[in-house]
Amino acid sequence: AFVANSQDPLLGAILLLGYTLGYSTPLLIVAGSGGQILTNIQSSSSSSGIYAKIAPWITPLTGGVLLWYGTNNLLNALFGDPTVGNLKFLGMS
């Protein structure tokens, strides 16, 4: 409503760009860093250190975060925000 009342398309574009960056940046960081961490672990020469113990968990962990992020956003888009205020609609509050 703020952008519609201001009738400034440049302001709307800037706010939309900021929203898009804030929405997609965590997803890109998790997706990009998971592969890099796994590459660094595989290139280390120590096979008995802590890295060798956590290496098998890197791919499932990053995959789980990405699936959770996507599923959560899909459910929010389909059913709305599950806050306490919206639970009154279901008769739970």
PDB file of N, CA and C in Angstrom:
ATOM      1  N   ALA A   1       0.825  -1.182   0.000  1.00  0.00           N
ATOM      2  CA  ALA A   1       0.000   0.000   0.000  1.00  0.00           C
ATOM      3  C   ALA A   1       0.879   1.258   0.000  1.00  0.00           C
ATOM      4  N   PHE A   2       2.037   1.189   0.633  1.00  0.00           N
ATOM      5  CA  PHE A   2       2.917   2.355   0.698  1.00  0.00           C
ATOM      6  C   PHE A   2       3.407   2.756  -0.680  1.00  0.00           C
ATOM      7  N   VAL A   3       3.834   1.789  -1.464  1.00  0.00           N
ATOM      8  CA  VAL A   3       4.357   2.092  -2.797  1.00  0.00           C
ATOM      9  C   VAL A   3       3.227   2.553  -3.708  1.00  0.00           C
ATOM     10  N   ALA A   4       2.049   1.959  -3.573  1.00  0.00           N
ATOM     11  CA  ALA A   4       0.908   2.387  -4.395  1.00  0.00           C
ATOM     12  C   ALA A   4       0.505   3.812  -4.064  1.00  0.00           C
ATOM     13  N   ASN A   5       0.550   4.185  -2.801  1.00  0.00           N
ATOM     14  CA  ASN A   5       0.195   5.551  -2.421  1.00  0.00           C
ATOM     15  C   ASN A   5       1.249   6.551  -2.856  1.00  0.00           C
ATOM     16  N   SER A   6       2.512   6.150  -2.870  1.00  0.00           N
ATOM     17  CA  SER A   6       3.568   7.078  -3.285  1.00  0.00           C
ATOM     18  C   SER A   6       3.632   7.223  -4.795  1.00  0.00           C
ATOM     19  N   GLN A   7       3.135   6.258  -5.539  1.00  0.00           N
ATOM     20  CA  GLN A   7       3.109   6.258  -7.001  1.00  0.00           C
ATOM     21  C   GLN A   7       4.495   6.522  -7.588  1.00  0.00           C
ATOM     22  N   ASP A   8       5.475   5.872  -7.005  1.00  0.00           N
ATOM     23  CA  ASP A   8       6.857   6.018  -7.468  1.00  0.00           C
ATOM     24  C   ASP A   8       7.356   4.638  -7.896  1.00  0.00           C
ATOM     25  N   PRO A   9       7.429   4.381  -9.207  1.00  0.00           N
ATOM     26  CA  PRO A   9       7.864   3.057  -9.661  1.00  0.00           C
ATOM     27  C   PRO A   9       9.317   2.740  -9.313  1.00  0.00           C
ATOM     28  N   LEU A  10      10.162   3.749  -9.248  1.00  0.00           N
ATOM     29  CA  LEU A  10      11.554   3.513  -8.878  1.00  0.00           C
ATOM     30  C   LEU A  10      11.650   3.034  -7.431  1.00  0.00           C
ATOM     31  N   LEU A  11      10.902   3.637  -6.546  1.00  0.00           N
ATOM     32  CA  LEU A  11      10.866   3.196  -5.153  1.00  0.00           C
ATOM     33  C   LEU A  11      10.351   1.769  -5.055  1.00  0.00           C
ATOM     34  N   GLY A  12       9.314   1.441  -5.824  1.00  0.00           N
ATOM     35  CA  GLY A  12       8.787   0.082  -5.839  1.00  0.00           C
ATOM     36  C   GLY A  12       9.814  -0.920  -6.325  1.00  0.00           C
ATOM     37  N   ALA A  13      10.566  -0.545  -7.361  1.00  0.00           N
ATOM     38  CA  ALA A  13      11.600  -1.438  -7.887  1.00  0.00           C
ATOM     39  C   ALA A  13      12.720  -1.645  -6.877  1.00  0.00           C
ATOM     40  N   ILE A  14      13.114  -0.584  -6.190  1.00  0.00           N
ATOM     41  CA  ILE A  14      14.179  -0.700  -5.185  1.00  0.00           C
ATOM     42  C   ILE A  14      13.730  -1.567  -4.016  1.00  0.00           C
ATOM     43  N   LEU A  15      12.518  -1.366  -3.547  1.00  0.00           N
ATOM     44  CA  LEU A  15      12.007  -2.181  -2.443  1.00  0.00           C
ATOM     45  C   LEU A  15      11.846  -3.642  -2.858  1.00  0.00           C
ATOM     46  N   LEU A  16      11.409  -3.882  -4.084  1.00  0.00           N
ATOM     47  CA  LEU A  16      11.273  -5.252  -4.565  1.00  0.00           C
ATOM     48  C   LEU A  16      12.630  -5.928  -4.703  1.00  0.00           C
ATOM     49  N   LEU A  17      13.627  -5.195  -5.160  1.00  0.00           N
ATOM     50  CA  LEU A  17      14.979  -5.741  -5.247  1.00  0.00           C
ATOM     51  C   LEU A  17      15.521  -6.083  -3.858  1.00  0.00           C
ATOM     52  N   GLY A  18      15.295  -5.190  -2.892  1.00  0.00           N
ATOM     53  CA  GLY A  18      15.737  -5.461  -1.520  1.00  0.00           C
ATOM     54  C   GLY A  18      15.048  -6.678  -0.931  1.00  0.00           C
ATOM     55  N   TYR A  19      13.757  -6.826  -1.180  1.00  0.00           N
ATOM     56  CA  TYR A  19      13.027  -7.998  -0.692  1.00  0.00           C
ATOM     57  C   TYR A  19      13.564  -9.272  -1.333  1.00  0.00           C
ATOM     58  N   THR A  20      13.804  -9.223  -2.636  1.00  0.00           N
ATOM     59  CA  THR A  20      14.306 -10.399  -3.350  1.00  0.00           C
ATOM     60  C   THR A  20      15.683 -10.814  -2.854  1.00  0.00           C
ATOM     61  N   LEU A  21      16.553  -9.844  -2.634  1.00  0.00           N
ATOM     62  CA  LEU A  21      17.892 -10.159  -2.124  1.00  0.00           C
ATOM     63  C   LEU A  21      17.819 -10.758  -0.723  1.00  0.00           C
ATOM     64  N   GLY A  22      16.973 -10.208   0.123  1.00  0.00           N
ATOM     65  CA  GLY A  22      16.834 -10.729   1.481  1.00  0.00           C
ATOM     66  C   GLY A  22      16.193 -12.097   1.527  1.00  0.00           C
ATOM     67  N   TYR A  23      15.357 -12.393   0.550  1.00  0.00           N
ATOM     68  CA  TYR A  23      14.660 -13.672   0.511  1.00  0.00           C
ATOM     69  C   TYR A  23      15.542 -14.781  -0.053  1.00  0.00           C
ATOM     70  N   SER A  24      16.346 -14.454  -1.048  1.00  0.00           N
ATOM     71  CA  SER A  24      17.117 -15.493  -1.729  1.00  0.00           C
ATOM     72  C   SER A  24      18.552 -15.638  -1.232  1.00  0.00           C
ATOM     73  N   THR A  25      19.091 -14.647  -0.556  1.00  0.00           N
ATOM     74  CA  THR A  25      20.480 -14.704  -0.119  1.00  0.00           C
ATOM     75  C   THR A  25      20.764 -15.867   0.839  1.00  0.00           C
ATOM     76  N   PRO A  26      19.948 -16.120   1.854  1.00  0.00           N
ATOM     77  CA  PRO A  26      20.242 -17.268   2.721  1.00  0.00           C
ATOM     78  C   PRO A  26      20.263 -18.594   1.959  1.00  0.00           C
ATOM     79  N   LEU A  27      19.371 -18.730   0.998  1.00  0.00           N
ATOM     80  CA  LEU A  27      19.325 -19.940   0.194  1.00  0.00           C
ATOM     81  C   LEU A  27      20.587 -20.101  -0.637  1.00  0.00           C
ATOM     82  N   LEU A  28      21.051 -19.038  -1.226  1.00  0.00           N
ATOM     83  CA  LEU A  28      22.264 -19.087  -2.037  1.00  0.00           C
ATOM     84  C   LEU A  28      23.506 -19.338  -1.186  1.00  0.00           C
ATOM     85  N   ILE A  29      23.538 -18.785   0.011  1.00  0.00           N
ATOM     86  CA  ILE A  29      24.688 -19.001   0.903  1.00  0.00           C
ATOM     87  C   ILE A  29      24.777 -20.471   1.312  1.00  0.00           C
ATOM     88  N   VAL A  30      23.655 -21.057   1.692  1.00  0.00           N
ATOM     89  CA  VAL A  30      23.661 -22.463   2.102  1.00  0.00           C
ATOM     90  C   VAL A  30      24.033 -23.354   0.918  1.00  0.00           C
ATOM     91  N   ALA A  31      23.452 -23.087  -0.234  1.00  0.00           N
ATOM     92  CA  ALA A  31      23.734 -23.919  -1.406  1.00  0.00           C
ATOM     93  C   ALA A  31      25.196 -23.792  -1.842  1.00  0.00           C
ATOM     94  N   GLY A  32      25.745 -22.596  -1.797  1.00  0.00           N
ATOM     95  CA  GLY A  32      27.116 -22.387  -2.229  1.00  0.00           C
ATOM     96  C   GLY A  32      28.155 -22.855  -1.233  1.00  0.00           C
ATOM     97  N   SER A  33      27.892 -22.650   0.042  1.00  0.00           N
ATOM     98  CA  SER A  33      28.901 -23.000   1.041  1.00  0.00           C
ATOM     99  C   SER A  33      28.957 -24.496   1.317  1.00  0.00           C
ATOM    100  N   GLY A  34      27.869 -25.209   1.126  1.00  0.00           N
ATOM    101  CA  GLY A  34      27.877 -26.647   1.372  1.00  0.00           C
ATOM    102  C   GLY A  34      28.838 -27.367   0.460  1.00  0.00           C
ATOM    103  N   GLY A  35      28.830 -27.036  -0.804  1.00  0.00           N
ATOM    104  CA  GLY A  35      29.757 -27.660  -1.746  1.00  0.00           C
ATOM    105  C   GLY A  35      31.194 -27.267  -1.484  1.00  0.00           C
ATOM    106  N   GLN A  36      31.414 -26.018  -1.109  1.00  0.00           N
ATOM    107  CA  GLN A  36      32.775 -25.557  -0.835  1.00  0.00           C
ATOM    108  C   GLN A  36      33.336 -26.223   0.418  1.00  0.00           C
ATOM    109  N   ILE A  37      32.531 -26.385   1.424  1.00  0.00           N
ATOM    110  CA  ILE A  37      32.977 -27.052   2.650  1.00  0.00           C
ATOM    111  C   ILE A  37      33.366 -28.492   2.347  1.00  0.00           C
ATOM    112  N   LEU A  38      32.545 -29.172   1.554  1.00  0.00           N
ATOM    113  CA  LEU A  38      32.842 -30.556   1.213  1.00  0.00           C
ATOM    114  C   LEU A  38      34.125 -30.661   0.404  1.00  0.00           C
ATOM    115  N   THR A  39      34.353 -29.721  -0.506  1.00  0.00           N
ATOM    116  CA  THR A  39      35.590 -29.715  -1.287  1.00  0.00           C
ATOM    117  C   THR A  39      36.804 -29.495  -0.396  1.00  0.00           C
ATOM    118  N   ASN A  40      36.705 -28.572   0.551  1.00  0.00           N
ATOM    119  CA  ASN A  40      37.815 -28.319   1.475  1.00  0.00           C
ATOM    120  C   ASN A  40      38.109 -29.531   2.347  1.00  0.00           C
ATOM    121  N   ILE A  41      37.080 -30.227   2.769  1.00  0.00           N
ATOM    122  CA  ILE A  41      37.279 -31.401   3.613  1.00  0.00           C
ATOM    123  C   ILE A  41      37.960 -32.514   2.822  1.00  0.00           C
ATOM    124  N   GLN A  42      37.533 -32.703   1.576  1.00  0.00           N
ATOM    125  CA  GLN A  42      38.121 -33.772   0.771  1.00  0.00           C
ATOM    126  C   GLN A  42      39.566 -33.479   0.399  1.00  0.00           C
ATOM    127  N   SER A  43      39.925 -32.201   0.283  1.00  0.00           N
ATOM    128  CA  SER A  43      41.298 -31.873  -0.101  1.00  0.00           C
ATOM    129  C   SER A  43      42.271 -31.900   1.083  1.00  0.00           C
ATOM    130  N   SER A  44      41.741 -31.936   2.307  1.00  0.00           N
ATOM    131  CA  SER A  44      42.643 -31.998   3.460  1.00  0.00           C
ATOM    132  C   SER A  44      43.266 -33.382   3.540  1.00  0.00           C
ATOM    133  N   SER A  45      44.484 -33.415   3.988  1.00  0.00           N
ATOM    134  CA  SER A  45      45.215 -34.691   4.001  1.00  0.00           C
ATOM    135  C   SER A  45      44.901 -35.545   5.222  1.00  0.00           C
ATOM    136  N   SER A  46      44.396 -34.956   6.277  1.00  0.00           N
ATOM    137  CA  SER A  46      44.126 -35.707   7.498  1.00  0.00           C
ATOM    138  C   SER A  46      42.812 -36.473   7.350  1.00  0.00           C
ATOM    139  N   SER A  47      42.873 -37.772   7.447  1.00  0.00           N
ATOM    140  CA  SER A  47      41.660 -38.581   7.318  1.00  0.00           C
ATOM    141  C   SER A  47      41.113 -39.016   8.671  1.00  0.00           C
ATOM    142  N   SER A  48      41.773 -38.633   9.752  1.00  0.00           N
ATOM    143  CA  SER A  48      41.306 -39.057  11.063  1.00  0.00           C
ATOM    144  C   SER A  48      40.854 -37.875  11.928  1.00  0.00           C
ATOM    145  N   GLY A  49      40.860 -36.668  11.391  1.00  0.00           N
ATOM    146  CA  GLY A  49      40.496 -35.490  12.166  1.00  0.00           C
ATOM    147  C   GLY A  49      38.996 -35.312  12.272  1.00  0.00           C
ATOM    148  N   ILE A  50      38.616 -34.188  12.826  1.00  0.00           N
ATOM    149  CA  ILE A  50      37.200 -33.870  12.998  1.00  0.00           C
ATOM    150  C   ILE A  50      36.502 -33.703  11.660  1.00  0.00           C
ATOM    151  N   TYR A  51      37.257 -33.243  10.672  1.00  0.00           N
ATOM    152  CA  TYR A  51      36.666 -33.047   9.352  1.00  0.00           C
ATOM    153  C   TYR A  51      36.236 -34.365   8.729  1.00  0.00           C
ATOM    154  N   ALA A  52      37.009 -35.391   8.966  1.00  0.00           N
ATOM    155  CA  ALA A  52      36.647 -36.706   8.424  1.00  0.00           C
ATOM    156  C   ALA A  52      35.379 -37.240   9.079  1.00  0.00           C
ATOM    157  N   LYS A  53      35.128 -36.830  10.310  1.00  0.00           N
ATOM    158  CA  LYS A  53      33.932 -37.293  11.003  1.00  0.00           C
ATOM    159  C   LYS A  53      32.681 -36.554  10.561  1.00  0.00           C
ATOM    160  N   ILE A  54      32.826 -35.277  10.180  1.00  0.00           N
ATOM    161  CA  ILE A  54      31.641 -34.520   9.784  1.00  0.00           C
ATOM    162  C   ILE A  54      31.414 -34.486   8.279  1.00  0.00           C
ATOM    163  N   ALA A  55      32.375 -34.930   7.491  1.00  0.00           N
ATOM    164  CA  ALA A  55      32.250 -34.895   6.032  1.00  0.00           C
ATOM    165  C   ALA A  55      31.020 -35.635   5.510  1.00  0.00           C
ATOM    166  N   PRO A  56      30.679 -36.805   6.029  1.00  0.00           N
ATOM    167  CA  PRO A  56      29.489 -37.492   5.508  1.00  0.00           C
ATOM    168  C   PRO A  56      28.182 -36.757   5.796  1.00  0.00           C
ATOM    169  N   TRP A  57      28.193 -35.806   6.724  1.00  0.00           N
ATOM    170  CA  TRP A  57      26.972 -35.100   7.095  1.00  0.00           C
ATOM    171  C   TRP A  57      26.772 -33.786   6.337  1.00  0.00           C
ATOM    172  N   ILE A  58      27.761 -33.332   5.594  1.00  0.00           N
ATOM    173  CA  ILE A  58      27.664 -32.036   4.926  1.00  0.00           C
ATOM    174  C   ILE A  58      26.564 -32.025   3.868  1.00  0.00           C
ATOM    175  N   THR A  59      26.571 -32.994   2.973  1.00  0.00           N
ATOM    176  CA  THR A  59      25.576 -33.019   1.903  1.00  0.00           C
ATOM    177  C   THR A  59      24.160 -33.222   2.431  1.00  0.00           C
ATOM    178  N   PRO A  60      23.907 -34.174   3.334  1.00  0.00           N
ATOM    179  CA  PRO A  60      22.543 -34.299   3.855  1.00  0.00           C
ATOM    180  C   PRO A  60      22.094 -33.065   4.647  1.00  0.00           C
ATOM    181  N   LEU A  61      23.018 -32.441   5.354  1.00  0.00           N
ATOM    182  CA  LEU A  61      22.652 -31.264   6.136  1.00  0.00           C
ATOM    183  C   LEU A  61      22.275 -30.092   5.231  1.00  0.00           C
ATOM    184  N   THR A  62      23.091 -29.804   4.245  1.00  0.00           N
ATOM    185  CA  THR A  62      22.756 -28.698   3.338  1.00  0.00           C
ATOM    186  C   THR A  62      21.507 -29.023   2.525  1.00  0.00           C
ATOM    187  N   GLY A  63      21.358 -30.276   2.120  1.00  0.00           N
ATOM    188  CA  GLY A  63      20.141 -30.666   1.411  1.00  0.00           C
ATOM    189  C   GLY A  63      18.904 -30.524   2.278  1.00  0.00           C
ATOM    190  N   GLY A  64      19.027 -30.897   3.544  1.00  0.00           N
ATOM    191  CA  GLY A  64      17.906 -30.746   4.473  1.00  0.00           C
ATOM    192  C   GLY A  64      17.513 -29.295   4.692  1.00  0.00           C
ATOM    193  N   VAL A  65      18.508 -28.429   4.792  1.00  0.00           N
ATOM    194  CA  VAL A  65      18.218 -27.001   4.965  1.00  0.00           C
ATOM    195  C   VAL A  65      17.507 -26.451   3.733  1.00  0.00           C
ATOM    196  N   LEU A  66      17.977 -26.832   2.561  1.00  0.00           N
ATOM    197  CA  LEU A  66      17.345 -26.362   1.329  1.00  0.00           C
ATOM    198  C   LEU A  66      15.921 -26.888   1.182  1.00  0.00           C
ATOM    199  N   LEU A  67      15.706 -28.159   1.528  1.00  0.00           N
ATOM    200  CA  LEU A  67      14.351 -28.713   1.470  1.00  0.00           C
ATOM    201  C   LEU A  67      13.430 -28.053   2.489  1.00  0.00           C
ATOM    202  N   TRP A  68      13.936 -27.829   3.701  1.00  0.00           N
ATOM    203  CA  TRP A  68      13.122 -27.167   4.719  1.00  0.00           C
ATOM    204  C   TRP A  68      12.738 -25.756   4.275  1.00  0.00           C
ATOM    205  N   TYR A  69      13.697 -25.027   3.732  1.00  0.00           N
ATOM    206  CA  TYR A  69      13.457 -23.656   3.291  1.00  0.00           C
ATOM    207  C   TYR A  69      12.399 -23.625   2.192  1.00  0.00           C
ATOM    208  N   GLY A  70      12.535 -24.503   1.212  1.00  0.00           N
ATOM    209  CA  GLY A  70      11.568 -24.533   0.117  1.00  0.00           C
ATOM    210  C   GLY A  70      10.193 -24.996   0.558  1.00  0.00           C
ATOM    211  N   THR A  71      10.143 -26.032   1.395  1.00  0.00           N
ATOM    212  CA  THR A  71       8.854 -26.535   1.873  1.00  0.00           C
ATOM    213  C   THR A  71       8.152 -25.519   2.754  1.00  0.00           C
ATOM    214  N   ASN A  72       8.893 -24.870   3.624  1.00  0.00           N
ATOM    215  CA  ASN A  72       8.318 -23.855   4.485  1.00  0.00           C
ATOM    216  C   ASN A  72       7.732 -22.712   3.667  1.00  0.00           C
ATOM    217  N   ASN A  73       8.447 -22.260   2.656  1.00  0.00           N
ATOM    218  CA  ASN A  73       7.953 -21.163   1.834  1.00  0.00           C
ATOM    219  C   ASN A  73       6.768 -21.583   0.982  1.00  0.00           C
ATOM    220  N   LEU A  74       6.755 -22.810   0.493  1.00  0.00           N
ATOM    221  CA  LEU A  74       5.607 -23.306  -0.265  1.00  0.00           C
ATOM    222  C   LEU A  74       4.366 -23.386   0.614  1.00  0.00           C
ATOM    223  N   LEU A  75       4.524 -23.915   1.831  1.00  0.00           N
ATOM    224  CA  LEU A  75       3.374 -24.010   2.736  1.00  0.00           C
ATOM    225  C   LEU A  75       2.875 -22.634   3.160  1.00  0.00           C
ATOM    226  N   ASN A  76       3.788 -21.687   3.352  1.00  0.00           N
ATOM    227  CA  ASN A  76       3.361 -20.323   3.672  1.00  0.00           C
ATOM    228  C   ASN A  76       2.601 -19.706   2.506  1.00  0.00           C
ATOM    229  N   ALA A  77       3.027 -19.997   1.285  1.00  0.00           N
ATOM    230  CA  ALA A  77       2.334 -19.450   0.120  1.00  0.00           C
ATOM    231  C   ALA A  77       0.952 -20.083  -0.053  1.00  0.00           C
ATOM    232  N   LEU A  78       0.830 -21.374   0.246  1.00  0.00           N
ATOM    233  CA  LEU A  78      -0.448 -22.056   0.060  1.00  0.00           C
ATOM    234  C   LEU A  78      -1.441 -21.785   1.184  1.00  0.00           C
ATOM    235  N   PHE A  79      -0.960 -21.817   2.426  1.00  0.00           N
ATOM    236  CA  PHE A  79      -1.867 -21.754   3.572  1.00  0.00           C
ATOM    237  C   PHE A  79      -1.744 -20.487   4.406  1.00  0.00           C
ATOM    238  N   GLY A  80      -0.802 -19.626   4.103  1.00  0.00           N
ATOM    239  CA  GLY A  80      -0.642 -18.393   4.854  1.00  0.00           C
ATOM    240  C   GLY A  80       0.321 -18.553   6.013  1.00  0.00           C
ATOM    241  N   ASP A  81       0.501 -17.466   6.728  1.00  0.00           N
ATOM    242  CA  ASP A  81       1.452 -17.417   7.831  1.00  0.00           C
ATOM    243  C   ASP A  81       0.861 -18.091   9.069  1.00  0.00           C
ATOM    244  N   PRO A  82       1.548 -19.089   9.639  1.00  0.00           N
ATOM    245  CA  PRO A  82       0.995 -19.797  10.795  1.00  0.00           C
ATOM    246  C   PRO A  82       1.309 -19.130  12.126  1.00  0.00           C
ATOM    247  N   THR A  83       1.014 -17.866  12.261  1.00  0.00           N
ATOM    248  CA  THR A  83       1.254 -17.171  13.524  1.00  0.00           C
ATOM    249  C   THR A  83       0.069 -17.372  14.458  1.00  0.00           C
ATOM    250  N   VAL A  84       0.234 -16.942  15.686  1.00  0.00           N
ATOM    251  CA  VAL A  84      -0.821 -17.107  16.685  1.00  0.00           C
ATOM    252  C   VAL A  84      -2.083 -16.346  16.261  1.00  0.00           C
ATOM    253  N   GLY A  85      -1.917 -15.198  15.648  1.00  0.00           N
ATOM    254  CA  GLY A  85      -3.064 -14.421  15.199  1.00  0.00           C
ATOM    255  C   GLY A  85      -3.881 -15.147  14.145  1.00  0.00           C
ATOM    256  N   ASN A  86      -3.224 -15.915  13.314  1.00  0.00           N
ATOM    257  CA  ASN A  86      -3.940 -16.665  12.274  1.00  0.00           C
ATOM    258  C   ASN A  86      -4.513 -17.959  12.798  1.00  0.00           C
ATOM    259  N   LEU A  87      -4.117 -18.418  13.965  1.00  0.00           N
ATOM    260  CA  LEU A  87      -4.670 -19.635  14.524  1.00  0.00           C
ATOM    261  C   LEU A  87      -6.110 -19.430  15.025  1.00  0.00           C
ATOM    262  N   LYS A  88      -6.514 -18.183  15.225  1.00  0.00           N
ATOM    263  CA  LYS A  88      -7.891 -17.911  15.636  1.00  0.00           C
ATOM    264  C   LYS A  88      -8.877 -18.385  14.569  1.00  0.00           C
ATOM    265  N   PHE A  89      -8.436 -18.330  13.322  1.00  0.00           N
ATOM    266  CA  PHE A  89      -9.262 -18.812  12.219  1.00  0.00           C
ATOM    267  C   PHE A  89      -9.581 -20.302  12.368  1.00  0.00           C
ATOM    268  N   LEU A  90      -8.663 -21.041  12.917  1.00  0.00           N
ATOM    269  CA  LEU A  90      -8.844 -22.476  13.095  1.00  0.00           C
ATOM    270  C   LEU A  90      -9.516 -22.817  14.419  1.00  0.00           C
ATOM    271  N   GLY A  91      -9.800 -21.840  15.233  1.00  0.00           N
ATOM    272  CA  GLY A  91     -10.401 -22.083  16.528  1.00  0.00           C
ATOM    273  C   GLY A  91      -9.433 -22.628  17.563  1.00  0.00           C
ATOM    274  N   MET A  92      -8.150 -22.402  17.369  1.00  0.00           N
ATOM    275  CA  MET A  92      -7.145 -22.935  18.273  1.00  0.00           C
ATOM    276  C   MET A  92      -6.659 -21.920  19.287  1.00  0.00           C
ATOM    277  N   SER A  93      -7.086 -20.699  19.176  1.00  0.00           N
ATOM    278  CA  SER A  93      -6.577 -19.684  20.089  1.00  0.00           C
ATOM    279  C   SER A  93      -7.716 -19.038  20.847  1.00  0.00           C
TER     280      SER A  93
END
